[in-house]
Structure formats: C-alpha cells, structure tokens
Amino acid sequence: MGAKIAKALLLGTAVMFFAVLALDIAIPALVLCTMALSIWLVSLDLPVTRKHGGEAA
C-alpha cells in the first residue's frame, strides 16, 4: 500500500512541476509580447491632430 501512495505522490509532484514550468515559460512570453506590441503601437505614425507653428497650445 505504501508503494501506491509513493507513486501517486510522485505523479502529483511531477504534474505540479511541469504545470509550473509551463507557467514560467508562458507568462514571460506574454509579457514580452505585450511590451513588443506596445512599442509597435507607439512607433506607428498615426494621424493625430497636432497644433502647427504659431498656434497656441
């Protein structure tokens, strides 16, 4: 009976390890993609109404 419990605990530990490992890869990837997207959006030359020379701010 002890061997069954040990195997179940080992399986549970392995599942938790690989689940956390997947999060350790996915979350930084999501953050980096969000940063890249924000830089791309800021660098776009969108037509924004701008005040030209001589006009008050």
PDB file of N, CA and C in Angstrom:
ATOM      1  N   MET A   1       0.816  -1.188   0.000  1.00  0.00           N
ATOM      2  CA  MET A   1       0.000   0.000   0.000  1.00  0.00           C
ATOM      3  C   MET A   1       0.864   1.258   0.000  1.00  0.00           C
ATOM      4  N   GLY A   2       2.022   1.187   0.638  1.00  0.00           N
ATOM      5  CA  GLY A   2       2.903   2.342   0.700  1.00  0.00           C
ATOM      6  C   GLY A   2       3.482   2.706  -0.651  1.00  0.00           C
ATOM      7  N   ALA A   3       3.719   1.694  -1.496  1.00  0.00           N
ATOM      8  CA  ALA A   3       4.276   1.953  -2.817  1.00  0.00           C
ATOM      9  C   ALA A   3       3.273   2.685  -3.698  1.00  0.00           C
ATOM     10  N   LYS A   4       1.974   2.370  -3.540  1.00  0.00           N
ATOM     11  CA  LYS A   4       0.942   3.050  -4.324  1.00  0.00           C
ATOM     12  C   LYS A   4       0.864   4.526  -3.946  1.00  0.00           C
ATOM     13  N   ILE A   5       0.943   4.799  -2.669  1.00  0.00           N
ATOM     14  CA  ILE A   5       0.892   6.186  -2.200  1.00  0.00           C
ATOM     15  C   ILE A   5       2.126   6.944  -2.672  1.00  0.00           C
ATOM     16  N   ALA A   6       3.272   6.293  -2.618  1.00  0.00           N
ATOM     17  CA  ALA A   6       4.513   6.937  -3.073  1.00  0.00           C
ATOM     18  C   ALA A   6       4.449   7.243  -4.562  1.00  0.00           C
ATOM     19  N   LYS A   7       3.910   6.307  -5.351  1.00  0.00           N
ATOM     20  CA  LYS A   7       3.780   6.546  -6.792  1.00  0.00           C
ATOM     21  C   LYS A   7       2.796   7.681  -7.079  1.00  0.00           C
ATOM     22  N   ALA A   8       1.707   7.717  -6.319  1.00  0.00           N
ATOM     23  CA  ALA A   8       0.720   8.784  -6.511  1.00  0.00           C
ATOM     24  C   ALA A   8       1.316  10.139  -6.146  1.00  0.00           C
ATOM     25  N   LEU A   9       2.081  10.176  -5.064  1.00  0.00           N
ATOM     26  CA  LEU A   9       2.734  11.434  -4.677  1.00  0.00           C
ATOM     27  C   LEU A   9       3.770  11.865  -5.703  1.00  0.00           C
ATOM     28  N   LEU A  10       4.503  10.913  -6.228  1.00  0.00           N
ATOM     29  CA  LEU A  10       5.489  11.226  -7.263  1.00  0.00           C
ATOM     30  C   LEU A  10       4.806  11.763  -8.523  1.00  0.00           C
ATOM     31  N   LEU A  11       3.707  11.135  -8.897  1.00  0.00           N
ATOM     32  CA  LEU A  11       2.951  11.601 -10.061  1.00  0.00           C
ATOM     33  C   LEU A  11       2.408  13.012  -9.819  1.00  0.00           C
ATOM     34  N   GLY A  12       1.842  13.247  -8.647  1.00  0.00           N
ATOM     35  CA  GLY A  12       1.318  14.578  -8.317  1.00  0.00           C
ATOM     36  C   GLY A  12       2.410  15.637  -8.322  1.00  0.00           C
ATOM     37  N   THR A  13       3.567  15.283  -7.791  1.00  0.00           N
ATOM     38  CA  THR A  13       4.696  16.217  -7.782  1.00  0.00           C
ATOM     39  C   THR A  13       5.168  16.521  -9.196  1.00  0.00           C
ATOM     40  N   ALA A  14       5.240  15.505 -10.044  1.00  0.00           N
ATOM     41  CA  ALA A  14       5.665  15.709 -11.429  1.00  0.00           C
ATOM     42  C   ALA A  14       4.668  16.583 -12.187  1.00  0.00           C
ATOM     43  N   VAL A  15       3.387  16.342 -11.965  1.00  0.00           N
ATOM     44  CA  VAL A  15       2.357  17.149 -12.633  1.00  0.00           C
ATOM     45  C   VAL A  15       2.474  18.606 -12.207  1.00  0.00           C
ATOM     46  N   MET A  16       2.638  18.843 -10.916  1.00  0.00           N
ATOM     47  CA  MET A  16       2.768  20.214 -10.431  1.00  0.00           C
ATOM     48  C   MET A  16       4.030  20.882 -10.978  1.00  0.00           C
ATOM     49  N   PHE A  17       5.127  20.141 -11.030  1.00  0.00           N
ATOM     50  CA  PHE A  17       6.382  20.690 -11.539  1.00  0.00           C
ATOM     51  C   PHE A  17       6.226  21.141 -12.985  1.00  0.00           C
ATOM     52  N   PHE A  18       5.656  20.277 -13.824  1.00  0.00           N
ATOM     53  CA  PHE A  18       5.539  20.629 -15.239  1.00  0.00           C
ATOM     54  C   PHE A  18       4.474  21.693 -15.479  1.00  0.00           C
ATOM     55  N   ALA A  19       3.460  21.755 -14.639  1.00  0.00           N
ATOM     56  CA  ALA A  19       2.466  22.826 -14.762  1.00  0.00           C
ATOM     57  C   ALA A  19       3.108  24.179 -14.444  1.00  0.00           C
ATOM     58  N   VAL A  20       3.899  24.223 -13.377  1.00  0.00           N
ATOM     59  CA  VAL A  20       4.582  25.465 -13.009  1.00  0.00           C
ATOM     60  C   VAL A  20       5.638  25.816 -14.053  1.00  0.00           C
ATOM     61  N   LEU A  21       6.309  24.825 -14.599  1.00  0.00           N
ATOM     62  CA  LEU A  21       7.306  25.075 -15.634  1.00  0.00           C
ATOM     63  C   LEU A  21       6.665  25.704 -16.866  1.00  0.00           C
ATOM     64  N   ALA A  22       5.478  25.232 -17.220  1.00  0.00           N
ATOM     65  CA  ALA A  22       4.766  25.822 -18.360  1.00  0.00           C
ATOM     66  C   ALA A  22       4.410  27.275 -18.079  1.00  0.00           C
ATOM     67  N   LEU A  23       4.005  27.579 -16.850  1.00  0.00           N
ATOM     68  CA  LEU A  23       3.695  28.968 -16.500  1.00  0.00           C
ATOM     69  C   LEU A  23       4.948  29.830 -16.503  1.00  0.00           C
ATOM     70  N   ASP A  24       6.084  29.256 -16.109  1.00  0.00           N
ATOM     71  CA  ASP A  24       7.333  30.007 -16.113  1.00  0.00           C
ATOM     72  C   ASP A  24       7.752  30.383 -17.528  1.00  0.00           C
ATOM     73  N   ILE A  25       7.273  29.664 -18.509  1.00  0.00           N
ATOM     74  CA  ILE A  25       7.583  29.988 -19.903  1.00  0.00           C
ATOM     75  C   ILE A  25       6.505  30.892 -20.491  1.00  0.00           C
ATOM     76  N   ALA A  26       5.241  30.612 -20.193  1.00  0.00           N
ATOM     77  CA  ALA A  26       4.125  31.325 -20.821  1.00  0.00           C
ATOM     78  C   ALA A  26       4.002  32.768 -20.331  1.00  0.00           C
ATOM     79  N   ILE A  27       4.161  33.000 -19.051  1.00  0.00           N
ATOM     80  CA  ILE A  27       3.947  34.352 -18.517  1.00  0.00           C
ATOM     81  C   ILE A  27       5.013  35.328 -19.006  1.00  0.00           C
ATOM     82  N   PRO A  28       6.317  34.992 -18.956  1.00  0.00           N
ATOM     83  CA  PRO A  28       7.293  35.932 -19.532  1.00  0.00           C
ATOM     84  C   PRO A  28       7.091  36.136 -21.038  1.00  0.00           C
ATOM     85  N   ALA A  29       6.676  35.102 -21.747  1.00  0.00           N
ATOM     86  CA  ALA A  29       6.412  35.256 -23.178  1.00  0.00           C
ATOM     87  C   ALA A  29       5.252  36.219 -23.405  1.00  0.00           C
ATOM     88  N   LEU A  30       4.220  36.125 -22.583  1.00  0.00           N
ATOM     89  CA  LEU A  30       3.087  37.032 -22.701  1.00  0.00           C
ATOM     90  C   LEU A  30       3.497  38.467 -22.385  1.00  0.00           C
ATOM     91  N   VAL A  31       4.324  38.638 -21.369  1.00  0.00           N
ATOM     92  CA  VAL A  31       4.800  39.984 -21.008  1.00  0.00           C
ATOM     93  C   VAL A  31       5.648  40.563 -22.135  1.00  0.00           C
ATOM     94  N   LEU A  32       6.550  39.767 -22.691  1.00  0.00           N
ATOM     95  CA  LEU A  32       7.399  40.265 -23.774  1.00  0.00           C
ATOM     96  C   LEU A  32       6.582  40.599 -25.017  1.00  0.00           C
ATOM     97  N   CYS A  33       5.580  39.795 -25.327  1.00  0.00           N
ATOM     98  CA  CYS A  33       4.719  40.091 -26.478  1.00  0.00           C
ATOM     99  C   CYS A  33       3.934  41.377 -26.256  1.00  0.00           C
ATOM    100  N   THR A  34       3.456  41.579 -25.041  1.00  0.00           N
ATOM    101  CA  THR A  34       2.723  42.810 -24.723  1.00  0.00           C
ATOM    102  C   THR A  34       3.637  44.025 -24.842  1.00  0.00           C
ATOM    103  N   MET A  35       4.870  43.894 -24.369  1.00  0.00           N
ATOM    104  CA  MET A  35       5.821  45.007 -24.480  1.00  0.00           C
ATOM    105  C   MET A  35       6.127  45.307 -25.944  1.00  0.00           C
ATOM    106  N   ALA A  36       6.339  44.268 -26.740  1.00  0.00           N
ATOM    107  CA  ALA A  36       6.635  44.472 -28.157  1.00  0.00           C
ATOM    108  C   ALA A  36       5.452  45.118 -28.875  1.00  0.00           C
ATOM    109  N   LEU A  37       4.236  44.680 -28.540  1.00  0.00           N
ATOM    110  CA  LEU A  37       3.048  45.259 -29.154  1.00  0.00           C
ATOM    111  C   LEU A  37       2.891  46.722 -28.773  1.00  0.00           C
ATOM    112  N   SER A  38       3.167  47.057 -27.517  1.00  0.00           N
ATOM    113  CA  SER A  38       3.033  48.449 -27.094  1.00  0.00           C
ATOM    114  C   SER A  38       4.073  49.328 -27.778  1.00  0.00           C
ATOM    115  N   ILE A  39       5.287  48.834 -27.933  1.00  0.00           N
ATOM    116  CA  ILE A  39       6.319  49.597 -28.641  1.00  0.00           C
ATOM    117  C   ILE A  39       5.922  49.791 -30.101  1.00  0.00           C
ATOM    118  N   TRP A  40       5.366  48.745 -30.703  1.00  0.00           N
ATOM    119  CA  TRP A  40       4.940  48.830 -32.099  1.00  0.00           C
ATOM    120  C   TRP A  40       3.812  49.850 -32.247  1.00  0.00           C
ATOM    121  N   LEU A  41       2.844  49.831 -31.314  1.00  0.00           N
ATOM    122  CA  LEU A  41       1.733  50.774 -31.392  1.00  0.00           C
ATOM    123  C   LEU A  41       2.203  52.211 -31.205  1.00  0.00           C
ATOM    124  N   VAL A  42       3.142  52.430 -30.300  1.00  0.00           N
ATOM    125  CA  VAL A  42       3.645  53.782 -30.062  1.00  0.00           C
ATOM    126  C   VAL A  42       4.438  54.274 -31.264  1.00  0.00           C
ATOM    127  N   SER A  43       5.152  53.375 -31.924  1.00  0.00           N
ATOM    128  CA  SER A  43       6.004  53.797 -33.034  1.00  0.00           C
ATOM    129  C   SER A  43       5.229  54.016 -34.335  1.00  0.00           C
ATOM    130  N   LEU A  44       3.969  53.632 -34.381  1.00  0.00           N
ATOM    131  CA  LEU A  44       3.171  53.885 -35.578  1.00  0.00           C
ATOM    132  C   LEU A  44       2.983  55.391 -35.757  1.00  0.00           C
ATOM    133  N   ASP A  45       2.984  55.812 -36.990  1.00  0.00           N
ATOM    134  CA  ASP A  45       2.792  57.239 -37.264  1.00  0.00           C
ATOM    135  C   ASP A  45       1.308  57.466 -37.542  1.00  0.00           C
ATOM    136  N   LEU A  46       0.537  57.519 -36.473  1.00  0.00           N
ATOM    137  CA  LEU A  46      -0.905  57.692 -36.612  1.00  0.00           C
ATOM    138  C   LEU A  46      -1.222  59.161 -36.853  1.00  0.00           C
ATOM    139  N   PRO A  47      -2.204  59.416 -37.701  1.00  0.00           N
ATOM    140  CA  PRO A  47      -2.591  60.815 -37.929  1.00  0.00           C
ATOM    141  C   PRO A  47      -3.303  61.370 -36.695  1.00  0.00           C
ATOM    142  N   VAL A  48      -2.617  62.221 -35.983  1.00  0.00           N
ATOM    143  CA  VAL A  48      -3.155  62.828 -34.772  1.00  0.00           C
ATOM    144  C   VAL A  48      -3.275  64.320 -35.033  1.00  0.00           C
ATOM    145  N   THR A  49      -4.347  64.903 -34.550  1.00  0.00           N
ATOM    146  CA  THR A  49      -4.487  66.354 -34.746  1.00  0.00           C
ATOM    147  C   THR A  49      -3.428  67.056 -33.916  1.00  0.00           C
ATOM    148  N   ARG A  50      -2.580  67.781 -34.591  1.00  0.00           N
ATOM    149  CA  ARG A  50      -1.478  68.472 -33.918  1.00  0.00           C
ATOM    150  C   ARG A  50      -1.575  69.958 -34.206  1.00  0.00           C
ATOM    151  N   LYS A  51      -1.132  70.705 -33.251  1.00  0.00           N
ATOM    152  CA  LYS A  51      -1.086  72.156 -33.434  1.00  0.00           C
ATOM    153  C   LYS A  51       0.165  72.489 -34.223  1.00  0.00           C
ATOM    154  N   HIS A  52      -0.013  73.307 -35.246  1.00  0.00           N
ATOM    155  CA  HIS A  52       1.116  73.696 -36.071  1.00  0.00           C
ATOM    156  C   HIS A  52       1.697  75.015 -35.579  1.00  0.00           C
ATOM    157  N   GLY A  53       2.843  75.367 -36.111  1.00  0.00           N
ATOM    158  CA  GLY A  53       3.552  76.567 -35.654  1.00  0.00           C
ATOM    159  C   GLY A  53       2.689  77.808 -35.607  1.00  0.00           C
ATOM    160  N   GLY A  54       2.782  78.569 -34.522  1.00  0.00           N
ATOM    161  CA  GLY A  54       2.056  79.811 -34.390  1.00  0.00           C
ATOM    162  C   GLY A  54       0.759  79.665 -33.611  1.00  0.00           C
ATOM    163  N   GLU A  55       0.249  78.460 -33.476  1.00  0.00           N
ATOM    164  CA  GLU A  55      -0.992  78.277 -32.741  1.00  0.00           C
ATOM    165  C   GLU A  55      -0.700  78.047 -31.258  1.00  0.00           C
ATOM    166  N   ALA A  56      -1.610  78.513 -30.445  1.00  0.00           N
ATOM    167  CA  ALA A  56      -1.442  78.325 -29.002  1.00  0.00           C
ATOM    168  C   ALA A  56      -1.687  76.871 -28.639  1.00  0.00           C
ATOM    169  N   ALA A  57      -1.041  76.466 -27.585  1.00  0.00           N
ATOM    170  CA  ALA A  57      -1.175  75.062 -27.145  1.00  0.00           C
ATOM    171  C   ALA A  57      -2.522  74.800 -26.524  1.00  0.00           C
TER     172      ALA A  57
END
